[in-house]
Amino acid sequence: MVKAINDSGRHYQVADHYVKGRAYRNWTPILYNTETLTLLDGDSHTFRYASNKDSKSYTWAYFEEKKTGKRFVVFSTHLWWRKNTPAAPNNSLYRKKQLEEVCTKANELVKEYDCPCLILGDLNCTVSAEEYGVLEKMGFADCYDIATQYAEDSSGRYTCNDKTFSYRVKGDGYRKSIDHIAAKHLKKSKVLTYDYVTPNFYGKLSDHAPVYVDIQW
């Protein structure tokens, strides 16, 4: 994937921190632009519970922006996906435990590096879910809520098949979103916009539209 991107004239690298000998692959890598960012540190962790085929994990990366010297930490994560049922009532508790692990590590890095920190990914829960409350409890703010210029009120989800190009499900607002970006310790930085990437080809690839934020450092 990275080779195909860079063959078109771009300069990207993957911060996946793969360790030789692992019996699993990293499903939550971070792709970054090597022309604008320097990778200073990072690591990855795969959850050993509620993790079908070791696909539920988190990766973190500590970056420095080459132009300004600004430093920040980014977490990419994907939490357990099953809904609560009478036969399996603890699925939300698994997500809560996983998100607590992510936030605990993030807070350790905020303290160590004294810089802004972002947590982003498919949390498989909405803002009204009990497990989502872990973010606020551990000091993180939803970037949708703190965007100063614009926040797209959509869940970023739609029906995925080989013919669809419908990116906005009517009435499916942000409160139904399961993809989130949260921030902490922004200092003087501001989240300007919160939006989704919706190129014409994307409806054939996924039932999620990538979410992103613009930040003024």
N, C-alpha and C. Protein backbone atom coordinates (compact mmCIF):
# COMPACT_ATOMS: atom_id res chain seq x y z
N MET A 1 0.82 -1.20 0.00
CA MET A 1 0.00 0.00 0.00
C MET A 1 0.86 1.25 0.00
N VAL A 2 1.85 1.32 0.91
CA VAL A 2 2.70 2.51 1.00
C VAL A 2 3.48 2.70 -0.29
N LYS A 3 3.96 1.61 -0.87
CA LYS A 3 4.70 1.71 -2.12
C LYS A 3 3.83 2.30 -3.22
N ALA A 4 2.59 1.86 -3.29
CA ALA A 4 1.68 2.38 -4.32
C ALA A 4 1.44 3.88 -4.13
N ILE A 5 1.31 4.30 -2.88
CA ILE A 5 1.11 5.72 -2.58
C ILE A 5 2.34 6.53 -2.99
N ASN A 6 3.51 6.04 -2.60
CA ASN A 6 4.74 6.78 -2.86
C ASN A 6 5.15 6.73 -4.33
N ASP A 7 4.73 5.71 -5.06
CA ASP A 7 5.01 5.65 -6.49
C ASP A 7 4.34 6.78 -7.25
N SER A 8 3.32 7.38 -6.65
CA SER A 8 2.62 8.50 -7.30
C SER A 8 3.24 9.85 -6.92
N GLY A 9 4.41 9.80 -6.24
CA GLY A 9 5.12 11.04 -5.94
C GLY A 9 4.97 11.54 -4.52
N ARG A 10 4.29 10.78 -3.67
CA ARG A 10 4.12 11.19 -2.28
C ARG A 10 5.21 10.56 -1.42
N HIS A 11 5.25 10.98 -0.16
CA HIS A 11 6.29 10.50 0.74
C HIS A 11 5.67 10.12 2.09
N TYR A 12 5.23 8.87 2.18
CA TYR A 12 4.58 8.41 3.39
C TYR A 12 5.28 7.17 3.95
N GLN A 13 5.09 6.98 5.25
CA GLN A 13 5.63 5.81 5.93
C GLN A 13 4.61 5.32 6.94
N VAL A 14 4.72 4.07 7.33
CA VAL A 14 3.80 3.49 8.28
C VAL A 14 4.48 3.35 9.64
N ALA A 15 3.82 3.90 10.66
CA ALA A 15 4.30 3.72 12.03
C ALA A 15 3.50 2.59 12.65
N ASP A 16 3.94 1.35 12.41
CA ASP A 16 3.20 0.22 12.95
C ASP A 16 3.99 -0.52 14.03
N HIS A 17 5.29 -0.23 14.14
CA HIS A 17 6.13 -0.78 15.20
C HIS A 17 6.02 -2.30 15.27
N TYR A 18 6.09 -2.90 14.11
CA TYR A 18 6.01 -4.36 14.04
C TYR A 18 7.26 -4.97 14.68
N VAL A 19 7.04 -5.95 15.54
CA VAL A 19 8.14 -6.64 16.21
C VAL A 19 8.29 -8.03 15.59
N LYS A 20 9.48 -8.32 15.10
CA LYS A 20 9.73 -9.60 14.46
C LYS A 20 9.43 -10.75 15.43
N GLY A 21 8.73 -11.75 14.94
CA GLY A 21 8.41 -12.89 15.77
C GLY A 21 7.00 -12.87 16.31
N ARG A 22 6.31 -11.72 16.17
CA ARG A 22 4.93 -11.69 16.61
C ARG A 22 4.07 -12.61 15.75
N ALA A 23 3.11 -13.23 16.37
CA ALA A 23 2.24 -14.16 15.66
C ALA A 23 1.02 -13.43 15.10
N TYR A 24 1.01 -12.12 15.14
CA TYR A 24 -0.14 -11.36 14.68
C TYR A 24 0.34 -10.11 13.95
N ARG A 25 -0.55 -9.50 13.21
CA ARG A 25 -0.22 -8.26 12.50
C ARG A 25 -0.90 -7.09 13.17
N ASN A 26 -0.40 -5.91 12.90
CA ASN A 26 -0.97 -4.69 13.48
C ASN A 26 -2.09 -4.19 12.56
N TRP A 27 -3.31 -4.15 13.10
CA TRP A 27 -4.47 -3.71 12.32
C TRP A 27 -4.77 -2.23 12.51
N THR A 28 -4.00 -1.53 13.34
CA THR A 28 -4.26 -0.10 13.58
C THR A 28 -2.98 0.73 13.37
N PRO A 29 -2.33 0.60 12.22
CA PRO A 29 -1.10 1.37 11.98
C PRO A 29 -1.40 2.85 11.76
N ILE A 30 -0.39 3.66 11.83
CA ILE A 30 -0.51 5.10 11.57
C ILE A 30 0.32 5.43 10.34
N LEU A 31 -0.31 6.04 9.36
CA LEU A 31 0.35 6.46 8.12
C LEU A 31 0.67 7.95 8.24
N TYR A 32 1.93 8.33 8.01
CA TYR A 32 2.31 9.74 8.17
C TYR A 32 3.20 10.22 7.03
N ASN A 33 3.18 11.52 6.82
CA ASN A 33 3.94 12.18 5.76
C ASN A 33 5.36 12.46 6.26
N THR A 34 6.35 11.81 5.66
CA THR A 34 7.73 11.97 6.12
C THR A 34 8.32 13.32 5.72
N GLU A 35 7.68 14.04 4.81
CA GLU A 35 8.16 15.37 4.44
C GLU A 35 7.80 16.42 5.49
N THR A 36 6.73 16.18 6.22
CA THR A 36 6.27 17.17 7.19
C THR A 36 6.46 16.74 8.64
N LEU A 37 6.60 15.43 8.89
CA LEU A 37 6.67 14.93 10.26
C LEU A 37 7.89 14.04 10.46
N THR A 38 8.44 14.11 11.67
CA THR A 38 9.50 13.20 12.11
C THR A 38 8.95 12.32 13.21
N LEU A 39 9.08 11.02 13.05
CA LEU A 39 8.63 10.08 14.06
C LEU A 39 9.70 9.97 15.15
N LEU A 40 9.34 10.33 16.37
CA LEU A 40 10.28 10.34 17.48
C LEU A 40 10.20 9.08 18.34
N ASP A 41 9.01 8.54 18.49
CA ASP A 41 8.82 7.37 19.34
C ASP A 41 7.46 6.76 19.02
N GLY A 42 7.21 5.57 19.51
CA GLY A 42 5.92 4.94 19.29
C GLY A 42 5.93 3.48 19.68
N ASP A 43 4.75 2.88 19.67
CA ASP A 43 4.62 1.46 19.98
C ASP A 43 3.21 1.03 19.60
N SER A 44 2.95 -0.27 19.69
CA SER A 44 1.62 -0.79 19.40
C SER A 44 1.30 -1.90 20.38
N HIS A 45 0.00 -2.14 20.55
CA HIS A 45 -0.46 -3.15 21.50
C HIS A 45 -1.73 -3.80 20.95
N THR A 46 -1.78 -5.11 20.97
CA THR A 46 -2.96 -5.85 20.55
C THR A 46 -3.68 -6.38 21.78
N PHE A 47 -4.97 -6.12 21.86
CA PHE A 47 -5.76 -6.62 22.99
C PHE A 47 -5.85 -8.14 22.91
N ARG A 48 -5.64 -8.80 24.03
CA ARG A 48 -5.67 -10.25 24.08
C ARG A 48 -7.04 -10.78 24.52
N TYR A 49 -8.02 -9.92 24.56
CA TYR A 49 -9.39 -10.31 24.87
C TYR A 49 -10.30 -9.51 23.94
N ALA A 50 -11.49 -10.02 23.66
CA ALA A 50 -12.42 -9.33 22.78
C ALA A 50 -11.70 -8.77 21.56
N SER A 51 -10.99 -9.65 20.86
CA SER A 51 -10.15 -9.21 19.75
C SER A 51 -10.14 -10.29 18.67
N ASN A 52 -11.19 -10.32 17.86
CA ASN A 52 -11.31 -11.34 16.84
C ASN A 52 -10.12 -11.31 15.87
N LYS A 53 -9.41 -12.43 15.82
CA LYS A 53 -8.22 -12.58 14.97
C LYS A 53 -7.18 -11.50 15.27
N ASP A 54 -7.10 -11.08 16.54
CA ASP A 54 -6.13 -10.07 16.98
C ASP A 54 -6.28 -8.74 16.24
N SER A 55 -7.51 -8.42 15.84
CA SER A 55 -7.74 -7.21 15.06
C SER A 55 -8.02 -5.98 15.91
N LYS A 56 -8.22 -6.14 17.21
CA LYS A 56 -8.53 -5.01 18.08
C LYS A 56 -7.26 -4.60 18.83
N SER A 57 -6.86 -3.37 18.63
CA SER A 57 -5.53 -2.95 19.09
C SER A 57 -5.44 -1.44 19.15
N TYR A 58 -4.26 -0.96 19.53
CA TYR A 58 -3.96 0.46 19.39
C TYR A 58 -2.49 0.64 19.04
N THR A 59 -2.21 1.70 18.30
CA THR A 59 -0.85 2.11 17.97
C THR A 59 -0.71 3.58 18.36
N TRP A 60 0.43 3.94 18.93
CA TRP A 60 0.66 5.36 19.21
C TRP A 60 1.97 5.80 18.58
N ALA A 61 2.01 7.07 18.23
CA ALA A 61 3.20 7.65 17.61
C ALA A 61 3.42 9.06 18.15
N TYR A 62 4.67 9.37 18.44
CA TYR A 62 5.07 10.68 18.95
C TYR A 62 5.79 11.40 17.81
N PHE A 63 5.19 12.50 17.33
CA PHE A 63 5.69 13.20 16.15
C PHE A 63 6.23 14.59 16.48
N GLU A 64 7.12 15.06 15.60
CA GLU A 64 7.54 16.46 15.60
C GLU A 64 7.29 17.01 14.20
N GLU A 65 6.60 18.15 14.14
CA GLU A 65 6.37 18.81 12.87
C GLU A 65 7.65 19.52 12.45
N LYS A 66 8.17 19.20 11.29
CA LYS A 66 9.47 19.70 10.86
C LYS A 66 9.51 21.22 10.72
N LYS A 67 8.44 21.79 10.24
CA LYS A 67 8.41 23.23 9.98
C LYS A 67 8.39 24.06 11.25
N THR A 68 7.64 23.62 12.25
CA THR A 68 7.43 24.43 13.45
C THR A 68 8.10 23.87 14.70
N GLY A 69 8.45 22.58 14.68
CA GLY A 69 9.00 21.96 15.88
C GLY A 69 7.94 21.54 16.88
N LYS A 70 6.66 21.74 16.53
CA LYS A 70 5.57 21.32 17.42
C LYS A 70 5.55 19.80 17.54
N ARG A 71 5.31 19.33 18.76
CA ARG A 71 5.28 17.90 19.00
C ARG A 71 3.90 17.47 19.51
N PHE A 72 3.49 16.26 19.13
CA PHE A 72 2.19 15.76 19.55
C PHE A 72 2.19 14.23 19.48
N VAL A 73 1.22 13.63 20.17
CA VAL A 73 1.05 12.18 20.19
C VAL A 73 -0.28 11.83 19.53
N VAL A 74 -0.28 10.77 18.74
CA VAL A 74 -1.50 10.30 18.09
C VAL A 74 -1.70 8.82 18.41
N PHE A 75 -2.94 8.46 18.74
CA PHE A 75 -3.32 7.07 18.95
C PHE A 75 -4.30 6.66 17.86
N SER A 76 -4.05 5.51 17.25
CA SER A 76 -5.00 4.89 16.33
C SER A 76 -5.51 3.62 17.01
N THR A 77 -6.84 3.47 17.09
CA THR A 77 -7.36 2.31 17.80
C THR A 77 -8.63 1.76 17.14
N HIS A 78 -8.95 0.52 17.47
CA HIS A 78 -10.17 -0.14 17.02
C HIS A 78 -10.62 -1.03 18.16
N LEU A 79 -11.82 -0.76 18.68
CA LEU A 79 -12.32 -1.49 19.85
C LEU A 79 -13.26 -2.63 19.44
N TRP A 80 -13.55 -3.49 20.40
CA TRP A 80 -14.45 -4.63 20.21
C TRP A 80 -15.78 -4.19 19.61
N TRP A 81 -16.39 -5.05 18.78
CA TRP A 81 -17.50 -4.59 17.97
C TRP A 81 -18.88 -5.14 18.33
N ARG A 82 -18.97 -6.26 19.02
CA ARG A 82 -20.29 -6.87 19.21
C ARG A 82 -21.20 -6.05 20.14
N LYS A 83 -22.49 -6.09 19.86
CA LYS A 83 -23.48 -5.43 20.70
C LYS A 83 -23.83 -6.33 21.89
N ASN A 84 -24.37 -5.71 22.94
CA ASN A 84 -24.84 -6.49 24.08
C ASN A 84 -26.07 -7.31 23.68
N THR A 85 -26.11 -8.54 24.12
CA THR A 85 -27.27 -9.41 23.92
C THR A 85 -27.52 -10.14 25.23
N PRO A 86 -28.71 -10.73 25.42
CA PRO A 86 -28.96 -11.50 26.64
C PRO A 86 -27.94 -12.61 26.84
N ALA A 87 -27.46 -13.20 25.73
CA ALA A 87 -26.49 -14.29 25.84
C ALA A 87 -25.06 -13.77 26.06
N ALA A 88 -24.82 -12.52 25.65
CA ALA A 88 -23.48 -11.93 25.80
C ALA A 88 -23.64 -10.47 26.23
N PRO A 89 -23.94 -10.24 27.51
CA PRO A 89 -24.25 -8.90 27.99
C PRO A 89 -23.05 -8.01 28.29
N ASN A 90 -21.84 -8.53 28.16
CA ASN A 90 -20.67 -7.80 28.62
C ASN A 90 -19.84 -7.15 27.51
N ASN A 91 -20.38 -7.10 26.31
CA ASN A 91 -19.59 -6.55 25.21
C ASN A 91 -19.22 -5.08 25.41
N SER A 92 -20.14 -4.29 25.96
CA SER A 92 -19.83 -2.89 26.24
C SER A 92 -18.76 -2.77 27.31
N LEU A 93 -18.72 -3.73 28.24
CA LEU A 93 -17.69 -3.71 29.27
C LEU A 93 -16.32 -4.00 28.68
N TYR A 94 -16.26 -4.83 27.65
CA TYR A 94 -14.99 -5.08 26.97
C TYR A 94 -14.48 -3.80 26.31
N ARG A 95 -15.38 -3.09 25.63
CA ARG A 95 -14.98 -1.82 25.01
C ARG A 95 -14.53 -0.83 26.06
N LYS A 96 -15.23 -0.77 27.16
CA LYS A 96 -14.87 0.14 28.23
C LYS A 96 -13.48 -0.16 28.75
N LYS A 97 -13.18 -1.42 28.97
CA LYS A 97 -11.87 -1.82 29.46
C LYS A 97 -10.78 -1.48 28.45
N GLN A 98 -11.05 -1.72 27.17
CA GLN A 98 -10.07 -1.41 26.14
C GLN A 98 -9.81 0.10 26.04
N LEU A 99 -10.89 0.89 26.11
CA LEU A 99 -10.73 2.33 26.02
C LEU A 99 -10.01 2.87 27.25
N GLU A 100 -10.24 2.28 28.39
CA GLU A 100 -9.51 2.66 29.60
C GLU A 100 -8.01 2.39 29.44
N GLU A 101 -7.67 1.29 28.80
CA GLU A 101 -6.27 0.98 28.55
C GLU A 101 -5.64 2.02 27.63
N VAL A 102 -6.36 2.37 26.57
CA VAL A 102 -5.86 3.38 25.63
C VAL A 102 -5.64 4.72 26.33
N CYS A 103 -6.65 5.16 27.09
CA CYS A 103 -6.57 6.47 27.76
C CYS A 103 -5.49 6.48 28.84
N THR A 104 -5.31 5.37 29.52
CA THR A 104 -4.27 5.29 30.55
C THR A 104 -2.90 5.48 29.92
N LYS A 105 -2.65 4.78 28.81
CA LYS A 105 -1.37 4.93 28.12
C LYS A 105 -1.23 6.35 27.57
N ALA A 106 -2.30 6.89 27.02
CA ALA A 106 -2.26 8.25 26.48
C ALA A 106 -1.92 9.26 27.57
N ASN A 107 -2.51 9.12 28.74
CA ASN A 107 -2.23 10.05 29.84
C ASN A 107 -0.79 9.93 30.33
N GLU A 108 -0.24 8.73 30.28
CA GLU A 108 1.16 8.56 30.64
C GLU A 108 2.06 9.34 29.69
N LEU A 109 1.72 9.30 28.39
CA LEU A 109 2.52 10.00 27.39
C LEU A 109 2.34 11.51 27.45
N VAL A 110 1.12 11.95 27.76
CA VAL A 110 0.88 13.39 27.95
C VAL A 110 1.75 13.93 29.07
N LYS A 111 1.83 13.17 30.13
CA LYS A 111 2.65 13.57 31.28
C LYS A 111 4.14 13.53 30.93
N GLU A 112 4.55 12.51 30.20
CA GLU A 112 5.97 12.36 29.86
C GLU A 112 6.44 13.40 28.87
N TYR A 113 5.63 13.65 27.82
CA TYR A 113 6.06 14.53 26.74
C TYR A 113 5.50 15.94 26.83
N ASP A 114 4.51 16.16 27.69
CA ASP A 114 3.91 17.49 27.87
C ASP A 114 3.49 18.09 26.52
N CYS A 115 2.70 17.34 25.78
CA CYS A 115 2.28 17.80 24.46
C CYS A 115 0.84 17.37 24.19
N PRO A 116 0.20 17.94 23.16
CA PRO A 116 -1.15 17.53 22.81
C PRO A 116 -1.22 16.05 22.44
N CYS A 117 -2.39 15.46 22.66
CA CYS A 117 -2.58 14.05 22.36
C CYS A 117 -3.95 13.84 21.71
N LEU A 118 -3.99 13.05 20.65
CA LEU A 118 -5.22 12.73 19.94
C LEU A 118 -5.46 11.22 19.98
N ILE A 119 -6.69 10.83 20.25
CA ILE A 119 -7.11 9.43 20.15
C ILE A 119 -8.14 9.35 19.04
N LEU A 120 -7.90 8.50 18.06
CA LEU A 120 -8.83 8.41 16.95
C LEU A 120 -9.03 6.96 16.52
N GLY A 121 -10.24 6.68 16.05
CA GLY A 121 -10.49 5.34 15.55
C GLY A 121 -11.94 4.93 15.63
N ASP A 122 -12.18 3.69 15.28
CA ASP A 122 -13.51 3.08 15.32
C ASP A 122 -13.70 2.52 16.73
N LEU A 123 -14.45 3.24 17.55
CA LEU A 123 -14.67 2.82 18.94
C LEU A 123 -15.86 1.88 19.07
N ASN A 124 -16.59 1.70 17.98
CA ASN A 124 -17.74 0.80 17.95
C ASN A 124 -18.77 1.12 19.03
N CYS A 125 -18.91 2.39 19.36
CA CYS A 125 -19.95 2.82 20.28
C CYS A 125 -20.30 4.28 19.98
N THR A 126 -21.50 4.67 20.33
CA THR A 126 -21.95 6.04 20.12
C THR A 126 -21.64 6.90 21.35
N VAL A 127 -21.87 8.20 21.22
CA VAL A 127 -21.56 9.12 22.31
C VAL A 127 -22.45 8.90 23.52
N SER A 128 -23.58 8.23 23.35
CA SER A 128 -24.49 7.98 24.47
C SER A 128 -24.16 6.68 25.21
N ALA A 129 -23.22 5.91 24.70
CA ALA A 129 -22.87 4.63 25.33
C ALA A 129 -22.05 4.86 26.60
N GLU A 130 -22.23 3.98 27.56
CA GLU A 130 -21.51 4.11 28.83
C GLU A 130 -20.00 4.08 28.62
N GLU A 131 -19.53 3.20 27.73
CA GLU A 131 -18.10 3.07 27.52
C GLU A 131 -17.48 4.33 26.91
N TYR A 132 -18.28 5.06 26.12
CA TYR A 132 -17.77 6.29 25.52
C TYR A 132 -17.42 7.32 26.60
N GLY A 133 -18.11 7.26 27.73
CA GLY A 133 -17.87 8.19 28.82
C GLY A 133 -16.48 8.10 29.41
N VAL A 134 -15.75 7.04 29.09
CA VAL A 134 -14.38 6.89 29.57
C VAL A 134 -13.51 8.06 29.08
N LEU A 135 -13.75 8.51 27.86
CA LEU A 135 -12.96 9.61 27.30
C LEU A 135 -13.04 10.86 28.17
N GLU A 136 -14.24 11.29 28.46
CA GLU A 136 -14.42 12.49 29.29
C GLU A 136 -13.89 12.25 30.70
N LYS A 137 -14.16 11.08 31.25
CA LYS A 137 -13.71 10.76 32.60
C LYS A 137 -12.19 10.86 32.72
N MET A 138 -11.49 10.52 31.64
CA MET A 138 -10.04 10.51 31.67
C MET A 138 -9.44 11.74 31.00
N GLY A 139 -10.28 12.78 30.83
CA GLY A 139 -9.78 14.09 30.44
C GLY A 139 -9.73 14.42 28.98
N PHE A 140 -10.37 13.62 28.13
CA PHE A 140 -10.34 13.86 26.70
C PHE A 140 -11.64 14.51 26.22
N ALA A 141 -11.52 15.43 25.27
CA ALA A 141 -12.67 16.13 24.72
C ALA A 141 -12.94 15.64 23.30
N ASP A 142 -14.20 15.48 22.96
CA ASP A 142 -14.61 15.08 21.62
C ASP A 142 -14.34 16.23 20.66
N CYS A 143 -13.57 15.98 19.60
CA CYS A 143 -13.22 17.05 18.66
C CYS A 143 -14.44 17.58 17.91
N TYR A 144 -15.47 16.77 17.80
CA TYR A 144 -16.72 17.25 17.21
C TYR A 144 -17.30 18.39 18.05
N ASP A 145 -17.20 18.26 19.35
CA ASP A 145 -17.77 19.26 20.26
C ASP A 145 -16.93 20.53 20.35
N ILE A 146 -15.62 20.40 20.17
CA ILE A 146 -14.75 21.57 20.39
C ILE A 146 -14.28 22.22 19.10
N ALA A 147 -14.75 21.73 17.95
CA ALA A 147 -14.39 22.36 16.68
C ALA A 147 -14.91 23.80 16.65
N THR A 148 -14.07 24.75 16.32
CA THR A 148 -14.43 26.16 16.41
C THR A 148 -15.05 26.73 15.13
N GLN A 149 -14.84 26.08 13.99
CA GLN A 149 -15.35 26.62 12.73
C GLN A 149 -16.45 25.77 12.10
N TYR A 150 -16.27 24.45 12.10
CA TYR A 150 -17.26 23.59 11.44
C TYR A 150 -17.15 22.17 11.95
N ALA A 151 -18.30 21.51 12.16
CA ALA A 151 -18.34 20.10 12.52
C ALA A 151 -19.46 19.43 11.73
N GLU A 152 -19.10 18.47 10.90
CA GLU A 152 -20.07 17.77 10.07
C GLU A 152 -20.95 16.87 10.93
N ASP A 153 -22.27 17.10 10.86
CA ASP A 153 -23.21 16.34 11.66
C ASP A 153 -23.64 15.08 10.91
N SER A 154 -22.70 14.13 10.83
CA SER A 154 -22.99 12.87 10.17
C SER A 154 -22.25 11.76 10.91
N SER A 155 -22.73 10.55 10.76
CA SER A 155 -22.04 9.43 11.39
C SER A 155 -20.89 8.94 10.52
N GLY A 156 -20.84 9.38 9.27
CA GLY A 156 -19.80 8.91 8.37
C GLY A 156 -20.00 7.48 7.92
N ARG A 157 -21.20 6.95 8.09
CA ARG A 157 -21.47 5.56 7.72
C ARG A 157 -22.58 5.50 6.67
N TYR A 158 -22.54 4.44 5.87
CA TYR A 158 -23.53 4.26 4.82
C TYR A 158 -23.50 2.82 4.37
N THR A 159 -24.46 2.43 3.56
CA THR A 159 -24.49 1.08 3.03
C THR A 159 -23.36 0.87 2.05
N CYS A 160 -22.63 -0.23 2.22
CA CYS A 160 -21.47 -0.49 1.36
C CYS A 160 -21.76 -1.65 0.41
N ASN A 161 -21.69 -1.38 -0.89
CA ASN A 161 -21.77 -2.45 -1.89
C ASN A 161 -21.07 -1.98 -3.15
N ASP A 162 -21.09 -2.79 -4.20
CA ASP A 162 -20.31 -2.45 -5.39
C ASP A 162 -20.96 -1.40 -6.28
N LYS A 163 -22.12 -0.88 -5.87
CA LYS A 163 -22.80 0.11 -6.69
C LYS A 163 -23.06 1.43 -5.96
N THR A 164 -22.93 1.42 -4.64
CA THR A 164 -23.35 2.60 -3.89
C THR A 164 -22.37 3.76 -3.96
N PHE A 165 -22.91 4.96 -4.04
CA PHE A 165 -22.13 6.18 -3.90
C PHE A 165 -22.87 7.15 -2.98
N SER A 166 -23.66 6.59 -2.09
CA SER A 166 -24.43 7.40 -1.15
C SER A 166 -23.66 7.51 0.16
N TYR A 167 -23.15 8.71 0.45
CA TYR A 167 -22.27 8.88 1.60
C TYR A 167 -22.96 9.39 2.84
N ARG A 168 -24.11 10.00 2.69
CA ARG A 168 -24.80 10.56 3.84
C ARG A 168 -26.14 9.86 4.04
N VAL A 169 -26.27 9.10 5.09
CA VAL A 169 -27.54 8.45 5.40
C VAL A 169 -28.45 9.48 6.06
N LYS A 170 -29.60 9.74 5.50
CA LYS A 170 -30.50 10.76 6.02
C LYS A 170 -30.88 10.48 7.47
N GLY A 171 -30.78 11.50 8.29
CA GLY A 171 -31.15 11.37 9.69
C GLY A 171 -30.12 10.66 10.54
N ASP A 172 -29.02 10.24 9.93
CA ASP A 172 -27.99 9.49 10.65
C ASP A 172 -26.91 10.45 11.12
N GLY A 173 -27.23 11.25 12.14
CA GLY A 173 -26.33 12.29 12.60
C GLY A 173 -25.19 11.80 13.47
N TYR A 174 -24.40 12.73 13.94
CA TYR A 174 -23.20 12.38 14.68
C TYR A 174 -23.48 11.56 15.93
N ARG A 175 -24.63 11.75 16.55
CA ARG A 175 -24.93 10.99 17.77
C ARG A 175 -25.02 9.49 17.50
N LYS A 176 -25.09 9.11 16.22
CA LYS A 176 -25.08 7.69 15.87
C LYS A 176 -23.72 7.23 15.36
N SER A 177 -22.75 8.14 15.38
CA SER A 177 -21.42 7.79 14.89
C SER A 177 -20.71 6.83 15.83
N ILE A 178 -19.88 5.96 15.27
CA ILE A 178 -19.04 5.09 16.10
C ILE A 178 -17.56 5.37 15.85
N ASP A 179 -17.26 6.29 14.93
CA ASP A 179 -15.89 6.73 14.68
C ASP A 179 -15.68 8.08 15.35
N HIS A 180 -14.60 8.21 16.10
CA HIS A 180 -14.42 9.41 16.90
C HIS A 180 -12.96 9.88 16.92
N ILE A 181 -12.79 11.17 17.19
CA ILE A 181 -11.46 11.74 17.45
C ILE A 181 -11.58 12.57 18.72
N ALA A 182 -10.72 12.29 19.68
CA ALA A 182 -10.74 13.01 20.95
C ALA A 182 -9.36 13.62 21.20
N ALA A 183 -9.34 14.72 21.95
CA ALA A 183 -8.10 15.44 22.18
C ALA A 183 -7.92 15.80 23.64
N LYS A 184 -6.65 15.96 24.02
CA LYS A 184 -6.32 16.37 25.39
C LYS A 184 -5.05 17.21 25.37
N HIS A 185 -4.97 18.13 26.31
CA HIS A 185 -3.76 18.93 26.53
C HIS A 185 -3.37 19.71 25.26
N LEU A 186 -4.36 20.33 24.64
CA LEU A 186 -4.10 21.08 23.40
C LEU A 186 -3.32 22.36 23.63
N LYS A 187 -3.31 22.83 24.87
CA LYS A 187 -2.63 24.09 25.19
C LYS A 187 -3.23 25.20 24.33
N LYS A 188 -2.41 25.87 23.51
CA LYS A 188 -2.90 26.97 22.69
C LYS A 188 -3.44 26.50 21.34
N SER A 189 -3.36 25.23 21.07
CA SER A 189 -3.86 24.69 19.80
C SER A 189 -5.39 24.66 19.80
N LYS A 190 -5.97 24.73 18.59
CA LYS A 190 -7.42 24.71 18.45
C LYS A 190 -7.84 23.73 17.35
N VAL A 191 -8.90 22.99 17.62
CA VAL A 191 -9.52 22.18 16.57
C VAL A 191 -10.41 23.10 15.75
N LEU A 192 -10.13 23.24 14.48
CA LEU A 192 -10.90 24.15 13.62
C LEU A 192 -12.10 23.45 12.99
N THR A 193 -11.86 22.31 12.34
CA THR A 193 -12.95 21.62 11.64
C THR A 193 -12.94 20.13 11.95
N TYR A 194 -14.13 19.54 11.84
CA TYR A 194 -14.33 18.10 12.02
C TYR A 194 -15.17 17.64 10.83
N ASP A 195 -14.61 16.74 10.00
CA ASP A 195 -15.31 16.40 8.76
C ASP A 195 -14.94 14.98 8.31
N TYR A 196 -15.50 14.57 7.18
CA TYR A 196 -15.28 13.24 6.63
C TYR A 196 -14.76 13.32 5.21
N VAL A 197 -13.91 12.38 4.84
CA VAL A 197 -13.42 12.27 3.47
C VAL A 197 -14.39 11.38 2.69
N THR A 198 -14.93 11.90 1.60
CA THR A 198 -15.94 11.13 0.85
C THR A 198 -15.66 11.16 -0.66
N PRO A 199 -14.55 10.59 -1.11
CA PRO A 199 -14.31 10.51 -2.57
C PRO A 199 -15.30 9.56 -3.22
N ASN A 200 -15.50 9.73 -4.52
CA ASN A 200 -16.52 8.98 -5.23
C ASN A 200 -16.33 7.47 -5.17
N PHE A 201 -15.09 7.00 -5.10
CA PHE A 201 -14.84 5.57 -5.12
C PHE A 201 -15.02 4.90 -3.76
N TYR A 202 -15.19 5.67 -2.71
CA TYR A 202 -15.07 5.09 -1.38
C TYR A 202 -16.24 4.19 -0.99
N GLY A 203 -17.40 4.42 -1.58
CA GLY A 203 -18.55 3.60 -1.25
C GLY A 203 -18.40 2.14 -1.58
N LYS A 204 -17.43 1.82 -2.44
CA LYS A 204 -17.19 0.43 -2.80
C LYS A 204 -16.18 -0.24 -1.88
N LEU A 205 -15.54 0.54 -1.03
CA LEU A 205 -14.46 0.01 -0.21
C LEU A 205 -14.84 -0.25 1.24
N SER A 206 -15.73 0.57 1.78
CA SER A 206 -16.00 0.48 3.22
C SER A 206 -17.37 1.05 3.54
N ASP A 207 -17.91 0.67 4.71
CA ASP A 207 -19.16 1.28 5.18
C ASP A 207 -18.86 2.44 6.12
N HIS A 208 -17.58 2.85 6.18
CA HIS A 208 -17.17 4.02 6.96
C HIS A 208 -16.50 5.03 6.05
N ALA A 209 -16.79 6.31 6.25
CA ALA A 209 -16.05 7.37 5.59
C ALA A 209 -15.00 7.89 6.58
N PRO A 210 -13.75 8.02 6.18
CA PRO A 210 -12.70 8.46 7.11
C PRO A 210 -13.00 9.82 7.71
N VAL A 211 -12.85 9.95 9.01
CA VAL A 211 -13.08 11.20 9.71
C VAL A 211 -11.74 11.89 9.94
N TYR A 212 -11.73 13.23 9.88
CA TYR A 212 -10.48 13.96 10.09
C TYR A 212 -10.75 15.29 10.79
N VAL A 213 -9.71 15.86 11.34
CA VAL A 213 -9.80 17.19 11.95
C VAL A 213 -8.68 18.07 11.41
N ASP A 214 -8.96 19.37 11.31
CA ASP A 214 -7.92 20.37 11.04
C ASP A 214 -7.61 21.05 12.37
N ILE A 215 -6.32 21.11 12.69
CA ILE A 215 -5.90 21.70 13.97
C ILE A 215 -4.92 22.86 13.72
N GLN A 216 -5.18 23.96 14.39
CA GLN A 216 -4.26 25.10 14.34
C GLN A 216 -3.34 25.00 15.54
N TRP A 217 -2.06 24.73 15.27
CA TRP A 217 -1.11 24.55 16.37
C TRP A 217 -0.77 25.88 17.01
